[in-house]
Amino acid sequence: MKGFLRWLQYTLFALAVVLLGAFAYGKASSWMFQRRANTALETAHATATPRIERGDVIGRVDVDRLGVSVVVVEGAEEGDLAHAAGHLI
C-alpha cells in the first residue's frame, strides 16, 4: 500500500508539472502573438491594405477599467481564437 501511495504521489506531481508547463506555454504563446499583432497593427495604420484575409489583424479592443487589451483578427477559426478575439463579417 505504501508503494502505491508513493507511486501515486510521483504521478500526480509529474502531472502537475506537465499541466503547469502547458499553461505557461499557452500564456507565453498568446503574449508573443499579442506583441507581434500590436506591432503589425501599428504598421498597418501607416499603410492601408486593400483586402483583409482570414487571420489578419484588424484592430484592438482596450478595456481600461479591467486592464485588458486584446488584438482582433479576421475570422473565428480555432487557430484565430487561440490568441486573439475574432471578427466575423
Protein backbone atom coordinates (compact mmCIF):
# COMPACT_ATOMS: atom_id res chain seq x y z
CA MET A 1 0.00 0.00 0.00
CA LYS A 2 2.83 2.37 0.86
CA GLY A 3 4.45 1.73 -2.53
CA PHE A 4 1.20 2.55 -4.32
CA LEU A 5 0.84 5.83 -2.43
CA ARG A 6 4.43 6.77 -3.28
CA TRP A 7 3.78 5.95 -6.97
CA LEU A 8 0.54 8.00 -6.86
CA GLN A 9 2.40 10.93 -5.31
CA TYR A 10 5.06 10.94 -8.04
CA THR A 11 2.46 10.51 -10.77
CA LEU A 12 0.35 13.43 -9.54
CA PHE A 13 3.45 15.60 -9.14
CA ALA A 14 4.54 14.79 -12.71
CA LEU A 15 1.03 15.56 -13.97
CA ALA A 16 1.08 18.90 -12.13
CA VAL A 17 4.43 19.80 -13.71
CA VAL A 18 3.16 18.90 -17.20
CA LEU A 19 -0.05 20.88 -16.76
CA LEU A 20 1.79 23.92 -15.42
CA GLY A 21 4.18 23.70 -18.36
CA ALA A 22 1.28 23.53 -20.83
CA PHE A 23 -0.35 26.54 -19.17
CA ALA A 24 2.90 28.52 -19.24
CA TYR A 25 3.45 27.66 -22.91
CA GLY A 26 -0.10 28.80 -23.79
CA LYS A 27 0.27 32.07 -21.90
CA ALA A 28 3.70 32.78 -23.42
CA SER A 29 2.45 31.94 -26.90
CA SER A 30 -0.53 34.26 -26.57
CA TRP A 31 1.66 37.03 -25.14
CA MET A 32 4.09 36.74 -28.07
CA PHE A 33 1.21 36.77 -30.57
CA GLN A 34 -0.29 39.87 -28.96
CA ARG A 35 3.07 41.68 -29.12
CA ARG A 36 3.61 40.80 -32.80
CA ALA A 37 0.00 41.69 -33.65
CA ASN A 38 0.24 45.06 -31.90
CA THR A 39 3.36 45.85 -33.95
CA ALA A 40 1.59 44.74 -37.13
CA LEU A 41 -1.42 46.86 -36.23
CA GLU A 42 0.71 49.96 -35.75
CA THR A 43 2.37 49.32 -39.12
CA ALA A 44 -0.98 48.67 -40.81
CA HIS A 45 -2.26 52.09 -39.80
CA ALA A 46 0.53 53.64 -41.83
CA THR A 47 -0.14 51.54 -44.94
CA ALA A 48 -3.70 50.65 -45.94
CA THR A 49 -4.27 47.07 -47.09
CA PRO A 50 -6.87 46.70 -49.85
CA ARG A 51 -8.10 43.22 -48.86
CA ILE A 52 -8.44 41.62 -45.45
CA GLU A 53 -7.70 37.90 -45.28
CA ARG A 54 -8.54 35.40 -42.56
CA GLY A 55 -6.08 35.79 -39.68
CA ASP A 56 -5.17 39.42 -40.49
CA VAL A 57 -5.04 41.85 -37.58
CA ILE A 58 -7.88 44.36 -37.95
CA GLY A 59 -7.99 46.18 -34.63
CA ARG A 60 -7.59 46.18 -30.89
CA VAL A 61 -10.09 46.28 -28.03
CA ASP A 62 -8.96 48.06 -24.86
CA VAL A 63 -10.96 47.85 -21.64
CA ASP A 64 -9.09 50.19 -19.32
CA ARG A 65 -11.33 49.53 -16.34
CA LEU A 66 -10.39 45.84 -16.42
CA GLY A 67 -6.86 46.36 -17.65
CA VAL A 68 -7.50 44.20 -20.74
CA SER A 69 -6.14 44.83 -24.21
CA VAL A 70 -6.88 42.26 -26.92
CA VAL A 71 -6.00 42.22 -30.60
CA VAL A 72 -8.86 41.47 -33.02
CA VAL A 73 -8.20 39.24 -36.05
CA GLU A 74 -10.41 38.44 -39.01
CA GLY A 75 -12.07 35.05 -38.68
CA ALA A 76 -13.40 32.79 -35.99
CA GLU A 77 -11.49 29.55 -36.54
CA GLU A 78 -9.90 27.73 -33.61
CA GLY A 79 -6.43 28.94 -34.57
CA ASP A 80 -7.61 32.54 -34.76
CA LEU A 81 -9.36 32.45 -31.40
CA ALA A 82 -6.50 30.74 -29.59
CA HIS A 83 -4.61 34.02 -29.22
CA ALA A 84 -6.95 36.87 -30.18
CA ALA A 85 -10.56 37.95 -30.40
CA GLY A 86 -12.24 37.02 -33.69
CA HIS A 87 -14.30 39.10 -36.10
CA LEU A 88 -16.98 37.88 -38.49
CA ILE A 89 -18.29 39.84 -41.43
